[in-house]
Amino acid sequence: MNGEAEIWDKVYKSDNAFFGEEPSNFALFCFNYIKTNKHIKKILDLGTGHGRLYNV
């Protein structure tokens, strides 16, 4: 590792709300789109976002 992981570990340990505590607008848009389009059976997440959980 080149030290980047250690830097981000320190950021999140000191302030786990660094990027906010709410889901992003894009995450909410996708969630609502999938929820209203019942024919969607699978999605692929390519590691987007900052790892925040969104409980439904």
C-alpha atoms as a PDB file:
ATOM      1  CA  MET A   1       0.000   0.000   0.000  1.00  0.00           C
ATOM      2  CA  ASN A   2       1.178   3.511  -0.671  1.00  0.00           C
ATOM      3  CA  GLY A   3      -0.231   5.129   2.456  1.00  0.00           C
ATOM      4  CA  GLU A   4      -3.551   6.307   1.029  1.00  0.00           C
ATOM      5  CA  ALA A   5      -5.539   3.784   3.056  1.00  0.00           C
ATOM      6  CA  GLU A   6      -3.898   4.985   6.247  1.00  0.00           C
ATOM      7  CA  ILE A   7      -4.764   8.592   5.400  1.00  0.00           C
ATOM      8  CA  TRP A   8      -8.442   7.775   4.793  1.00  0.00           C
ATOM      9  CA  ASP A   9      -8.558   5.601   7.909  1.00  0.00           C
ATOM     10  CA  LYS A  10      -7.423   8.625   9.926  1.00  0.00           C
ATOM     11  CA  VAL A  11     -10.017  10.863   8.245  1.00  0.00           C
ATOM     12  CA  TYR A  12     -12.883   8.487   9.014  1.00  0.00           C
ATOM     13  CA  LYS A  13     -11.680   7.774  12.548  1.00  0.00           C
ATOM     14  CA  SER A  14     -11.522  11.476  13.355  1.00  0.00           C
ATOM     15  CA  ASP A  15     -14.815  12.387  11.631  1.00  0.00           C
ATOM     16  CA  ASN A  16     -16.955   9.562  10.267  1.00  0.00           C
ATOM     17  CA  ALA A  17     -19.404  12.146   8.903  1.00  0.00           C
ATOM     18  CA  PHE A  18     -16.677  13.779   6.798  1.00  0.00           C
ATOM     19  CA  PHE A  19     -18.706  13.324   3.598  1.00  0.00           C
ATOM     20  CA  GLY A  20     -22.096  13.764   5.264  1.00  0.00           C
ATOM     21  CA  GLU A  21     -24.494  11.372   6.897  1.00  0.00           C
ATOM     22  CA  GLU A  22     -27.282  11.287   4.334  1.00  0.00           C
ATOM     23  CA  PRO A  23     -27.394   9.274   1.120  1.00  0.00           C
ATOM     24  CA  SER A  24     -26.319  11.184  -1.968  1.00  0.00           C
ATOM     25  CA  ASN A  25     -28.968  12.594  -4.293  1.00  0.00           C
ATOM     26  CA  PHE A  26     -27.825  10.139  -6.944  1.00  0.00           C
ATOM     27  CA  ALA A  27     -28.199   7.185  -4.560  1.00  0.00           C
ATOM     28  CA  LEU A  28     -31.722   8.309  -3.654  1.00  0.00           C
ATOM     29  CA  PHE A  29     -32.612   8.765  -7.325  1.00  0.00           C
ATOM     30  CA  CYS A  30     -31.395   5.252  -8.153  1.00  0.00           C
ATOM     31  CA  PHE A  31     -33.153   3.747  -5.149  1.00  0.00           C
ATOM     32  CA  ASN A  32     -36.471   5.362  -6.065  1.00  0.00           C
ATOM     33  CA  TYR A  33     -36.102   4.421  -9.730  1.00  0.00           C
ATOM     34  CA  ILE A  34     -35.441   0.773  -8.896  1.00  0.00           C
ATOM     35  CA  LYS A  35     -38.242   0.714  -6.324  1.00  0.00           C
ATOM     36  CA  THR A  36     -40.806   1.984  -8.857  1.00  0.00           C
ATOM     37  CA  ASN A  37     -39.616  -0.195 -11.740  1.00  0.00           C
ATOM     38  CA  LYS A  38     -40.382  -3.677 -10.485  1.00  0.00           C
ATOM     39  CA  HIS A  39     -39.000  -5.344 -13.619  1.00  0.00           C
ATOM     40  CA  ILE A  40     -35.427  -4.568 -12.496  1.00  0.00           C
ATOM     41  CA  LYS A  41     -34.022  -7.717 -10.922  1.00  0.00           C
ATOM     42  CA  LYS A  42     -30.292  -7.001 -10.751  1.00  0.00           C
ATOM     43  CA  ILE A  43     -28.061  -3.982 -10.382  1.00  0.00           C
ATOM     44  CA  LEU A  44     -24.315  -3.527 -10.585  1.00  0.00           C
ATOM     45  CA  ASP A  45     -22.637  -1.135  -8.189  1.00  0.00           C
ATOM     46  CA  LEU A  46     -19.149  -0.230  -9.304  1.00  0.00           C
ATOM     47  CA  GLY A  47     -18.006   1.008  -5.933  1.00  0.00           C
ATOM     48  CA  THR A  48     -19.783   4.338  -6.029  1.00  0.00           C
ATOM     49  CA  GLY A  49     -20.174   6.631  -3.071  1.00  0.00           C
ATOM     50  CA  HIS A  50     -18.492   6.772   0.303  1.00  0.00           C
ATOM     51  CA  GLY A  51     -19.861   3.612   1.866  1.00  0.00           C
ATOM     52  CA  ARG A  52     -22.808   5.139   3.657  1.00  0.00           C
ATOM     53  CA  LEU A  53     -25.663   2.781   4.403  1.00  0.00           C
ATOM     54  CA  TYR A  54     -29.224   3.614   3.485  1.00  0.00           C
ATOM     55  CA  ASN A  55     -31.779   1.698   5.504  1.00  0.00           C
ATOM     56  CA  VAL A  56     -35.141   1.248   3.852  1.00  0.00           C
END
